[in-house]
Amino acid sequence: MMEYWWNLLNVLTFFKLAQVPSCHCHVRHQLPVLWIMPLNGEPRKGNITAEVLPAVQLALHHLSEQPPPLGNYELQFHLTDSECDRAKALKSFFDATFYGPKPLMIFGGVCSSVTSFIAQSLEGWNLVQLSFAVTAPSLANKRRFSNFFRTVPSDSAVNLALVRFLRHYGWSRVGTLTQHEQRFTEVQSDLSRHLEVANIQLAEAESFSDAPCASVKKLKDNDVRIVFAHFDESLAAEVLCCVYNLSMYGTKYQWILPDLSQSSWWTYTGSTNCTANNILTAMEGSINADFETISSRHIRGISGRTPQEYEREYDERRQIKHLGASKFHGFAYDGTWAIAKALARVMETVRYRQRYSIYRNYTVTDQELGEMILQAMDKINFFGVTGHVMFYQGERVANVEFAQYQDGKAVKIGKYSASTDELEFISPIKFQGNEPTNDRTHVYPQKKRVSILLYGIMAFLTLLGILTACFLLVFNVKNYNHWAISMSSPFLNSLIILGAVLSYSCIFFLGLDGSYISNGVFEASCSVQIWLLCIGYTAVFGTMFVKTWKMYDVFKNDKKTITKEYRLILVVMFLLLIDLSLLICLQILDPLRRTLQEYRIEADHHGRDFSIQPFSERCANTYMGYWMAAFCIYKGILLLITCFLAWTTRNVNIPAVNDSRGIRFSLFVSCPVILMGTYASILTQDQPNVQFSIVGLVIITSCSSTLCMVFVPKIIIIRMGPASLSRRFHLTQWHEIEKESERESEENNTVEQKDSGAYDYEADIMENISSIHVILRLDNQHFKLRITELDSELEALTRQLNEPNPMENIFVGSSVHKGGKKKCLTLPAAECLPEDINSPEHIQRRLSLQLPILHHAYLPSIGGVDSSPLNSPCESPQHRQMPKSYDIMVS
């Protein structure tokens, strides 16, 4: 209450000074002006009306010293208390308008809510308002507030300066922290609009009412480094305490705070758990931008004084009355001068028209007077204590100052000129680090590539596999006519080898990326990979499928004939045709392209202020999932069926007729390796080295195991003879069964004590032996027919020999018995080369030598009965393709 009376006393003193005429000899005309201001202040904020009162008094005093026309007029202020309330302010406005002298203009306005409410109705009252303390950006709308002017720059002008400051340092990502009040939310909305125009990202916009810590934490979680804060001094300590507790200060962050230099607010820590030093630590290095309250230029303005001289006079007046300094005092001083100049110009214009008008009683209406004042305000242009005073669409074009808190003090670092859009730095900015703060955690891409050492090792293993496959292919072709190769379908064996070579070759392309090849070559390698792997897989496992099906067809369906080889080849070709169809559709409809696969962002391992974005180059297309599902289902079914057939014929082991044992073992190795490798490769997509190792080892293991299981037994048969293989691979189980049977018979002397498993095993053996008999009987019938054909040919040749033409006999003999001639070249002449090779005795002898060899090659002993060839002088151990007898064992 005492403060209210003290303020009222100051105001009355002001009116007394304003109304007392100075020592000029002529009478000054009174110009009534309505001053709407709140008379009471707020705690720790001061009383703006009382603090700017010395500045207005000083302006009136300086005006009284001016020569005409300014010296002819005296401003008469009528103060009314708005109390920052719309209803009370509107009532005071009506009372002053109706009961007092009608004002020519309205001066003042601090609260934006009251000022905007009255400013909307000024056009209807033909009045013009000039404010020196309202900075709300919403009042810049000339459509709503056409008769409103202000000498203080709006917050929108400060926002323009802030955007220019951001562009200077290249900051393009910011965040805002706003107290939930109208004056602050308006500033934040206007700042957002300017940021959008400048193409600066507003990453996060947080607002709070009482508890700012949650909002500050959200800013930190979203990696906001540049923060614009809009809040009142009463919450400044709490906000900065949250900043300190969350460690959002230092080299990684840059805060742009409101102007908080009017009082020692940091000492009012209140209920926070921070000390004043903690708050000053959090505030260190922060920047604030505010309009320039007093011009720094040493130029004598309209009053004949420099801004520095005016400031000294103002400080003397306020210190006498023990008042604080308001940052708006310079704008109130210039505002008083602007009103005086505008009204003086209008009054002089009216007096001139009255004097020289053709009408005797010339009068001016309120509307005309209001328009004249409005035009006069638009033409205001002078240099005041706050700088150059001029208006653009009612807004003050002024400068904005930048200051930084350095060692607990606000140091001016730069100035922005709105008229020229230039940013000038007065002193260097002290950033916490060696360079300006980053506006975000910079993420640097880092390509994950296959290690060159790993690629070299896998390439070496792959090359060994390809060389081994080529050796086996040469071996298969060279020994094409050998029974161990010919009876296991040599063409299908060649398909297995070629499929393995294609699968091996795929590894060379799997380890390539953009580090070694161009993007175009990489996309081509994507297609080559899938083509090689698909065709190679089908060639290998499709061939093993038909081989296993052949054995299943013979021994499980009790068929008396064997499936022809060409039918098996047709089945493999059909499977390859399915592959080709899928691959062609993929290549035409949705080809594989180079794509970048990004992974989770990682922090720098050395603690530096940036993160790492790992990525890798991959082959993908639009419908990658559907294509992969189609290929996996098709090839998975093929693999499972092959494994099922191999498991069904697991007790069939006939090394002289087929290679089912090796195929079965290779399938039982390859199937789990492929399934586990496929699953593991999917889980390790973010680790190219691991994925490449897994895929490469799966291909190498599957292909190598298949080639070894299929061809190593054949090499042993050809190099060491079938008896050695039989002893190594086939007699072991039979001997074990015999020993076990003898041991059980000695102990129990009864057959009933054998378990059911032994009986089943013996039953399988007997079934396999029966199947062997069926095959051999068929082969025996085939060769009997062949013998009959040879007998018929022998008779024909004998008849030809009895004919009188000797030249024909020579021709026939040389062509028919060419093979026999070669076989006898190495034998002694007495045994193999009679004097006349075309004689009937010689032909008879040659046929007698060939027929037993055929019988011996295809009729092995069964049950201990030896089908040996006939002894002949032309047969030597070196020229025998098969031994005289060998045993066939089925396990």
Foldseek 3Di string as FASTA:
>chain_A
DVQLVLLVVLVVVLQVLLPDADPDPDAAAEAEEEEEEASDDDPPPFGPCSQLSLLLSVLQVLQCVDDPPSVRHGYRYDYDHPNLDQVRSVVRVVCCCPPHPHHQEYEEDARPVNVLVVQQCCLVVLYAYEYLHAQQPVCLPCVRRVRYFYQFFHLLLLLLVVLLVCVVQVAQEAEEEFEPDDSGVSSVVSSVVVSVVVNGHHQYYHYDHQQCLVVVVVCVVSQFAEYEYYDDLQCLLVNLLSCLVVVNAFQAHEYEYEDPPQDLSLCCNDPGPDHSVSSLRSQALYKYKGFQLFDPDQDQWPSRHELVVSVVSSVVVCVVVVGGHDSSSQRSSVVSVLQSQLVSVLVVVVVVCCVPPPDVDDDDDSNRSSVSSSVSLQPDWIQGRSGTAHDDSNGGQGKMWMWGQHPNDTHTFWMAGNVVRDIGTDHDRDHSDPDHHHRGFAADEDEFAADPVLLVVLLVLLVVLLVVLVVVLVVLVVCVVFLLNVLAPSVLVNLQSVLLNLLSVLLNLLRDDCVVDPQVVNLVNVLSNVLSNLSSLLSNLLSLQLQLVQVCCQQVVVDLDGDDPVVSVVSSVVSSVVVVVLSVCCCPPKGWHKDKAWDDWACDPVPDRHIYIYIYIDTDTDPRVVSVVVSCVVSVVSLVSSQVSLVVCVQFDWSSRHLSPLSNVLSVFLVVLVVVLVVVLVVVVVNSNVNSVSSSVSSSSSSVSSCCSHCVLVCCCQPVNPQVSCVVPFVVVVVVLVVVVVVVCVVPVDPVPDDPVNVVSVVSQVSNLVSVVSVLVVVVVVVVVVVVVVVVVLVVLVVVVPDPDVVVLVVVLCVPCVVVVVLQPPADCVFQPDPDCSDNVNVVLSVLVPSLLVCQVRPADDPPDFSFGDDGRSDDVVPRSHDRHDDTGGD
